[in-house]
Amino acid sequence: MSVILEYQKAIFAKLAGSAPLAALITGVYDAVPQDVIAPYIYFGDVAADEMPNLAVDISQINFIIFCVVESAGKKDVLEIAAAVAQALHLANLAVAGYEHINTQLLRQDIQRESNGVTYIAKLEFIGVVSSL
């Protein structure tokens, strides 16, 4: 069982099930379709580190969520980023095959792309799970 895959499934379910977030975006994606219309969010890089323990194996998962908006200002991307943070920071997740210990927002930054209308928020999270 892949801890990254099961953790991403849990994150996707949490994001897709968030009514406040759903009201702000067109979708949640692992791979963004070519014809998708902003605003949307997608999964960025993910890495897992195993931390073996005498009693239980613990995995630390670092992952990124990107929020994409085409807007004249930062307000829309800030609202979407806040909804993502609200859905995930300190959330209880159901991770198949693992006990979810914690998920925390570590860092957030926002950049405007060179086209002048696309804003991208990058939210970096850390999650910790233990094997059952």
N, C-alpha and C. Protein backbone atom coordinates (compact mmCIF):
# COMPACT_ATOMS: atom_id res chain seq x y z
N MET A 1 0.85 -1.17 0.00
CA MET A 1 0.00 0.00 0.00
C MET A 1 0.91 1.25 0.00
N SER A 2 0.66 2.18 -0.88
CA SER A 2 1.47 3.39 -0.99
C SER A 2 0.92 4.48 -0.08
N VAL A 3 1.74 4.92 0.86
CA VAL A 3 1.30 5.97 1.77
C VAL A 3 0.99 7.26 1.01
N ILE A 4 1.76 7.56 -0.03
CA ILE A 4 1.51 8.77 -0.81
C ILE A 4 0.15 8.69 -1.50
N LEU A 5 -0.12 7.57 -2.14
CA LEU A 5 -1.39 7.41 -2.84
C LEU A 5 -2.58 7.49 -1.89
N GLU A 6 -2.51 6.79 -0.77
CA GLU A 6 -3.63 6.79 0.18
C GLU A 6 -3.81 8.15 0.82
N TYR A 7 -2.71 8.83 1.10
CA TYR A 7 -2.80 10.17 1.69
C TYR A 7 -3.39 11.15 0.68
N GLN A 8 -2.96 11.06 -0.58
CA GLN A 8 -3.50 11.97 -1.59
C GLN A 8 -4.99 11.72 -1.79
N LYS A 9 -5.42 10.47 -1.75
CA LYS A 9 -6.85 10.17 -1.85
C LYS A 9 -7.63 10.84 -0.73
N ALA A 10 -7.07 10.80 0.49
CA ALA A 10 -7.73 11.42 1.64
C ALA A 10 -7.78 12.94 1.49
N ILE A 11 -6.70 13.53 1.01
CA ILE A 11 -6.66 14.98 0.79
C ILE A 11 -7.66 15.37 -0.29
N PHE A 12 -7.68 14.61 -1.39
CA PHE A 12 -8.62 14.89 -2.48
C PHE A 12 -10.06 14.82 -1.96
N ALA A 13 -10.39 13.80 -1.19
CA ALA A 13 -11.75 13.66 -0.65
C ALA A 13 -12.11 14.85 0.24
N LYS A 14 -11.16 15.29 1.04
CA LYS A 14 -11.42 16.42 1.95
C LYS A 14 -11.65 17.70 1.15
N LEU A 15 -10.82 17.94 0.14
CA LEU A 15 -10.97 19.14 -0.68
C LEU A 15 -12.25 19.09 -1.52
N ALA A 16 -12.52 17.95 -2.15
CA ALA A 16 -13.70 17.82 -3.00
C ALA A 16 -14.99 17.90 -2.18
N GLY A 17 -14.92 17.53 -0.90
CA GLY A 17 -16.10 17.57 -0.04
C GLY A 17 -16.30 18.88 0.70
N SER A 18 -15.45 19.85 0.47
CA SER A 18 -15.56 21.15 1.15
C SER A 18 -16.52 22.06 0.38
N ALA A 19 -17.69 22.31 0.94
CA ALA A 19 -18.67 23.18 0.28
C ALA A 19 -18.15 24.61 0.10
N PRO A 20 -17.49 25.21 1.10
CA PRO A 20 -16.97 26.56 0.89
C PRO A 20 -15.96 26.63 -0.26
N LEU A 21 -15.11 25.60 -0.38
CA LEU A 21 -14.13 25.57 -1.46
C LEU A 21 -14.81 25.33 -2.80
N ALA A 22 -15.75 24.41 -2.84
CA ALA A 22 -16.46 24.09 -4.09
C ALA A 22 -17.16 25.31 -4.67
N ALA A 23 -17.61 26.21 -3.82
CA ALA A 23 -18.29 27.42 -4.28
C ALA A 23 -17.33 28.39 -4.97
N LEU A 24 -16.02 28.19 -4.78
CA LEU A 24 -15.03 29.13 -5.30
C LEU A 24 -14.27 28.64 -6.53
N ILE A 25 -14.30 27.32 -6.79
CA ILE A 25 -13.45 26.76 -7.85
C ILE A 25 -14.25 25.90 -8.83
N THR A 26 -13.61 25.60 -9.96
CA THR A 26 -14.24 24.73 -10.95
C THR A 26 -13.85 23.27 -10.75
N GLY A 27 -12.79 23.00 -9.98
CA GLY A 27 -12.40 21.61 -9.76
C GLY A 27 -11.12 21.46 -8.98
N VAL A 28 -10.90 20.20 -8.55
CA VAL A 28 -9.68 19.77 -7.85
C VAL A 28 -9.03 18.73 -8.76
N TYR A 29 -7.75 18.92 -9.09
CA TYR A 29 -7.11 18.07 -10.07
C TYR A 29 -5.78 17.53 -9.57
N ASP A 30 -5.47 16.31 -10.04
CA ASP A 30 -4.13 15.76 -9.89
C ASP A 30 -3.34 16.19 -11.12
N ALA A 31 -3.90 15.95 -12.28
CA ALA A 31 -3.34 16.43 -13.54
C ALA A 31 -4.39 17.37 -14.15
N VAL A 32 -4.01 18.60 -14.40
CA VAL A 32 -4.95 19.61 -14.88
C VAL A 32 -5.27 19.35 -16.36
N PRO A 33 -6.57 19.19 -16.68
CA PRO A 33 -6.95 19.01 -18.09
C PRO A 33 -6.58 20.24 -18.91
N GLN A 34 -6.33 20.04 -20.18
CA GLN A 34 -5.88 21.13 -21.04
C GLN A 34 -6.92 22.25 -21.18
N ASP A 35 -8.20 21.93 -21.18
CA ASP A 35 -9.23 22.93 -21.42
C ASP A 35 -9.92 23.43 -20.14
N VAL A 36 -9.31 23.20 -18.98
CA VAL A 36 -9.92 23.62 -17.72
C VAL A 36 -9.94 25.14 -17.62
N ILE A 37 -10.99 25.64 -16.99
CA ILE A 37 -11.17 27.08 -16.80
C ILE A 37 -10.90 27.41 -15.33
N ALA A 38 -10.09 28.42 -15.10
CA ALA A 38 -9.79 28.88 -13.74
C ALA A 38 -11.04 29.55 -13.16
N PRO A 39 -11.19 29.52 -11.86
CA PRO A 39 -10.25 29.10 -10.82
C PRO A 39 -10.35 27.59 -10.53
N TYR A 40 -9.20 27.01 -10.20
CA TYR A 40 -9.13 25.60 -9.85
C TYR A 40 -7.93 25.39 -8.93
N ILE A 41 -7.86 24.18 -8.36
CA ILE A 41 -6.70 23.82 -7.55
C ILE A 41 -6.15 22.49 -8.06
N TYR A 42 -4.86 22.29 -7.84
CA TYR A 42 -4.26 21.02 -8.24
C TYR A 42 -3.12 20.64 -7.30
N PHE A 43 -2.82 19.33 -7.31
CA PHE A 43 -1.75 18.79 -6.49
C PHE A 43 -0.41 19.06 -7.14
N GLY A 44 0.54 19.51 -6.34
CA GLY A 44 1.90 19.69 -6.80
C GLY A 44 2.75 18.53 -6.31
N ASP A 45 4.01 18.81 -6.06
CA ASP A 45 4.96 17.78 -5.63
C ASP A 45 4.55 17.17 -4.29
N VAL A 46 4.91 15.92 -4.11
CA VAL A 46 4.67 15.22 -2.86
C VAL A 46 5.87 14.33 -2.57
N ALA A 47 6.22 14.21 -1.30
CA ALA A 47 7.32 13.34 -0.89
C ALA A 47 6.97 12.73 0.46
N ALA A 48 7.39 11.51 0.67
CA ALA A 48 7.14 10.83 1.94
C ALA A 48 8.47 10.34 2.51
N ASP A 49 8.63 10.55 3.79
CA ASP A 49 9.80 10.06 4.50
C ASP A 49 9.33 9.08 5.57
N GLU A 50 9.94 7.91 5.58
CA GLU A 50 9.61 6.90 6.59
C GLU A 50 10.44 7.19 7.84
N MET A 51 9.79 7.11 8.99
CA MET A 51 10.45 7.31 10.27
C MET A 51 10.18 6.09 11.13
N PRO A 52 10.97 5.02 10.95
CA PRO A 52 10.72 3.79 11.69
C PRO A 52 10.84 4.00 13.20
N ASN A 53 9.97 3.31 13.90
CA ASN A 53 9.90 3.40 15.35
C ASN A 53 9.83 1.96 15.86
N LEU A 54 10.16 1.73 17.08
CA LEU A 54 10.10 0.37 17.61
C LEU A 54 8.67 -0.17 17.63
N ALA A 55 7.71 0.68 17.90
CA ALA A 55 6.33 0.22 18.05
C ALA A 55 5.53 0.34 16.76
N VAL A 56 5.78 1.38 15.97
CA VAL A 56 4.95 1.64 14.80
C VAL A 56 5.76 2.42 13.78
N ASP A 57 5.46 2.21 12.50
CA ASP A 57 6.13 2.98 11.45
C ASP A 57 5.36 4.26 11.20
N ILE A 58 6.07 5.37 11.19
CA ILE A 58 5.46 6.69 10.98
C ILE A 58 5.98 7.23 9.65
N SER A 59 5.08 7.85 8.90
CA SER A 59 5.45 8.48 7.63
C SER A 59 5.12 9.96 7.70
N GLN A 60 6.05 10.76 7.23
CA GLN A 60 5.85 12.20 7.10
C GLN A 60 5.67 12.50 5.63
N ILE A 61 4.56 13.14 5.28
CA ILE A 61 4.27 13.45 3.89
C ILE A 61 4.29 14.95 3.70
N ASN A 62 5.14 15.41 2.78
CA ASN A 62 5.18 16.83 2.42
C ASN A 62 4.49 16.96 1.08
N PHE A 63 3.53 17.89 0.98
CA PHE A 63 2.82 18.05 -0.28
C PHE A 63 2.46 19.51 -0.51
N ILE A 64 2.17 19.81 -1.77
CA ILE A 64 1.86 21.17 -2.19
C ILE A 64 0.52 21.17 -2.91
N ILE A 65 -0.27 22.18 -2.62
CA ILE A 65 -1.52 22.43 -3.35
C ILE A 65 -1.36 23.80 -4.01
N PHE A 66 -1.66 23.86 -5.31
CA PHE A 66 -1.64 25.11 -6.05
C PHE A 66 -3.06 25.57 -6.31
N CYS A 67 -3.30 26.86 -6.14
CA CYS A 67 -4.58 27.49 -6.44
C CYS A 67 -4.35 28.45 -7.60
N VAL A 68 -5.13 28.32 -8.66
CA VAL A 68 -4.94 29.12 -9.87
C VAL A 68 -6.19 29.96 -10.12
N VAL A 69 -5.97 31.25 -10.33
CA VAL A 69 -7.06 32.20 -10.57
C VAL A 69 -6.65 33.15 -11.68
N GLU A 70 -7.59 33.49 -12.53
CA GLU A 70 -7.37 34.55 -13.52
C GLU A 70 -8.23 35.72 -13.10
N SER A 71 -7.57 36.76 -12.60
CA SER A 71 -8.28 37.87 -11.96
C SER A 71 -7.41 39.11 -12.01
N ALA A 72 -8.04 40.24 -11.82
CA ALA A 72 -7.30 41.51 -11.83
C ALA A 72 -6.58 41.75 -10.51
N GLY A 73 -6.90 41.00 -9.48
CA GLY A 73 -6.25 41.20 -8.19
C GLY A 73 -6.09 39.92 -7.41
N LYS A 74 -5.48 40.03 -6.24
CA LYS A 74 -5.17 38.87 -5.42
C LYS A 74 -6.34 38.37 -4.59
N LYS A 75 -7.39 39.13 -4.47
CA LYS A 75 -8.50 38.79 -3.57
C LYS A 75 -9.04 37.38 -3.81
N ASP A 76 -9.30 37.02 -5.06
CA ASP A 76 -9.88 35.71 -5.36
C ASP A 76 -8.94 34.57 -4.98
N VAL A 77 -7.67 34.68 -5.30
CA VAL A 77 -6.73 33.61 -4.98
C VAL A 77 -6.52 33.52 -3.47
N LEU A 78 -6.58 34.64 -2.77
CA LEU A 78 -6.47 34.62 -1.31
C LEU A 78 -7.66 33.91 -0.68
N GLU A 79 -8.86 34.13 -1.23
CA GLU A 79 -10.05 33.46 -0.71
C GLU A 79 -9.98 31.95 -0.93
N ILE A 80 -9.52 31.54 -2.11
CA ILE A 80 -9.41 30.11 -2.40
C ILE A 80 -8.33 29.47 -1.52
N ALA A 81 -7.20 30.14 -1.38
CA ALA A 81 -6.13 29.62 -0.53
C ALA A 81 -6.61 29.48 0.92
N ALA A 82 -7.38 30.44 1.38
CA ALA A 82 -7.91 30.37 2.74
C ALA A 82 -8.88 29.19 2.89
N ALA A 83 -9.68 28.92 1.87
CA ALA A 83 -10.61 27.79 1.92
C ALA A 83 -9.86 26.46 1.91
N VAL A 84 -8.77 26.37 1.15
CA VAL A 84 -7.94 25.16 1.14
C VAL A 84 -7.31 24.97 2.52
N ALA A 85 -6.75 26.03 3.07
CA ALA A 85 -6.14 25.95 4.40
C ALA A 85 -7.17 25.55 5.45
N GLN A 86 -8.35 26.12 5.37
CA GLN A 86 -9.40 25.79 6.34
C GLN A 86 -9.80 24.31 6.23
N ALA A 87 -9.85 23.79 5.02
CA ALA A 87 -10.23 22.39 4.82
C ALA A 87 -9.16 21.41 5.30
N LEU A 88 -7.89 21.78 5.22
CA LEU A 88 -6.81 20.83 5.49
C LEU A 88 -6.04 21.04 6.78
N HIS A 89 -5.82 22.28 7.19
CA HIS A 89 -4.99 22.55 8.37
C HIS A 89 -5.65 21.98 9.62
N LEU A 90 -4.96 21.06 10.26
CA LEU A 90 -5.42 20.38 11.48
C LEU A 90 -6.70 19.57 11.26
N ALA A 91 -6.96 19.18 10.02
CA ALA A 91 -8.15 18.40 9.69
C ALA A 91 -7.99 16.94 10.11
N ASN A 92 -9.10 16.28 10.34
CA ASN A 92 -9.12 14.84 10.55
C ASN A 92 -9.30 14.18 9.19
N LEU A 93 -8.38 13.31 8.83
CA LEU A 93 -8.44 12.65 7.52
C LEU A 93 -8.58 11.15 7.70
N ALA A 94 -9.30 10.54 6.77
CA ALA A 94 -9.44 9.09 6.74
C ALA A 94 -8.47 8.57 5.69
N VAL A 95 -7.32 8.07 6.12
CA VAL A 95 -6.27 7.57 5.23
C VAL A 95 -6.30 6.04 5.30
N ALA A 96 -6.75 5.42 4.22
CA ALA A 96 -6.91 3.97 4.20
C ALA A 96 -5.60 3.26 4.53
N GLY A 97 -5.67 2.36 5.53
CA GLY A 97 -4.50 1.59 5.92
C GLY A 97 -3.57 2.27 6.89
N TYR A 98 -3.90 3.50 7.28
CA TYR A 98 -3.03 4.29 8.16
C TYR A 98 -3.88 5.04 9.18
N GLU A 99 -3.24 5.38 10.28
CA GLU A 99 -3.86 6.27 11.25
C GLU A 99 -3.33 7.67 10.98
N HIS A 100 -4.23 8.60 10.71
CA HIS A 100 -3.83 9.98 10.47
C HIS A 100 -3.51 10.64 11.80
N ILE A 101 -2.34 11.22 11.90
CA ILE A 101 -1.93 11.88 13.13
C ILE A 101 -2.14 13.39 13.04
N ASN A 102 -1.69 13.99 11.93
CA ASN A 102 -1.79 15.44 11.85
C ASN A 102 -1.53 15.91 10.42
N THR A 103 -2.12 17.04 10.06
CA THR A 103 -1.83 17.75 8.82
C THR A 103 -1.75 19.23 9.16
N GLN A 104 -0.70 19.88 8.72
CA GLN A 104 -0.52 21.30 9.03
C GLN A 104 -0.05 22.08 7.81
N LEU A 105 -0.55 23.29 7.70
CA LEU A 105 -0.06 24.24 6.70
C LEU A 105 1.26 24.80 7.20
N LEU A 106 2.30 24.69 6.37
CA LEU A 106 3.63 25.20 6.75
C LEU A 106 3.92 26.57 6.16
N ARG A 107 3.52 26.76 4.90
CA ARG A 107 3.92 27.98 4.19
C ARG A 107 2.95 28.24 3.06
N GLN A 108 2.79 29.52 2.77
CA GLN A 108 1.93 29.92 1.65
C GLN A 108 2.57 31.12 0.96
N ASP A 109 2.58 31.09 -0.37
CA ASP A 109 3.00 32.29 -1.10
C ASP A 109 2.13 32.45 -2.34
N ILE A 110 2.08 33.67 -2.82
CA ILE A 110 1.25 34.01 -3.97
C ILE A 110 2.11 34.74 -4.98
N GLN A 111 1.97 34.34 -6.25
CA GLN A 111 2.72 35.00 -7.32
C GLN A 111 1.77 35.35 -8.45
N ARG A 112 2.08 36.45 -9.10
CA ARG A 112 1.35 36.82 -10.32
C ARG A 112 2.21 36.38 -11.50
N GLU A 113 1.58 35.70 -12.44
CA GLU A 113 2.29 35.23 -13.63
C GLU A 113 2.58 36.40 -14.56
N SER A 114 3.45 36.20 -15.53
CA SER A 114 3.88 37.26 -16.44
C SER A 114 2.76 37.79 -17.32
N ASN A 115 1.65 37.05 -17.47
CA ASN A 115 0.53 37.54 -18.28
C ASN A 115 -0.25 38.65 -17.57
N GLY A 116 0.03 38.85 -16.28
CA GLY A 116 -0.58 39.95 -15.53
C GLY A 116 -1.96 39.66 -14.98
N VAL A 117 -2.57 38.53 -15.32
CA VAL A 117 -3.91 38.23 -14.83
C VAL A 117 -4.02 36.90 -14.10
N THR A 118 -3.01 36.07 -14.18
CA THR A 118 -3.06 34.78 -13.50
C THR A 118 -2.29 34.88 -12.19
N TYR A 119 -2.98 34.53 -11.10
CA TYR A 119 -2.35 34.45 -9.79
C TYR A 119 -2.33 32.99 -9.37
N ILE A 120 -1.21 32.59 -8.77
CA ILE A 120 -1.07 31.22 -8.27
C ILE A 120 -0.64 31.28 -6.81
N ALA A 121 -1.45 30.64 -5.97
CA ALA A 121 -1.08 30.48 -4.56
C ALA A 121 -0.49 29.09 -4.39
N LYS A 122 0.61 29.02 -3.68
CA LYS A 122 1.29 27.75 -3.40
C LYS A 122 1.20 27.51 -1.90
N LEU A 123 0.51 26.43 -1.52
CA LEU A 123 0.36 26.09 -0.10
C LEU A 123 1.13 24.81 0.18
N GLU A 124 2.08 24.89 1.09
CA GLU A 124 2.90 23.75 1.45
C GLU A 124 2.41 23.17 2.78
N PHE A 125 2.15 21.88 2.77
CA PHE A 125 1.64 21.19 3.95
C PHE A 125 2.57 20.06 4.36
N ILE A 126 2.42 19.65 5.61
CA ILE A 126 3.07 18.45 6.10
C ILE A 126 2.01 17.60 6.79
N GLY A 127 2.06 16.31 6.52
CA GLY A 127 1.14 15.37 7.17
C GLY A 127 1.92 14.25 7.80
N VAL A 128 1.34 13.68 8.85
CA VAL A 128 1.99 12.57 9.53
C VAL A 128 0.94 11.47 9.73
N VAL A 129 1.32 10.24 9.34
CA VAL A 129 0.47 9.08 9.53
C VAL A 129 1.31 7.95 10.12
N SER A 130 0.63 7.01 10.76
CA SER A 130 1.32 5.82 11.24
C SER A 130 0.64 4.60 10.64
N SER A 131 1.41 3.53 10.49
CA SER A 131 0.84 2.30 9.96
C SER A 131 -0.06 1.67 11.01
N LEU A 132 -1.06 0.97 10.52
CA LEU A 132 -1.99 0.29 11.46
C LEU A 132 -1.45 -1.06 11.87
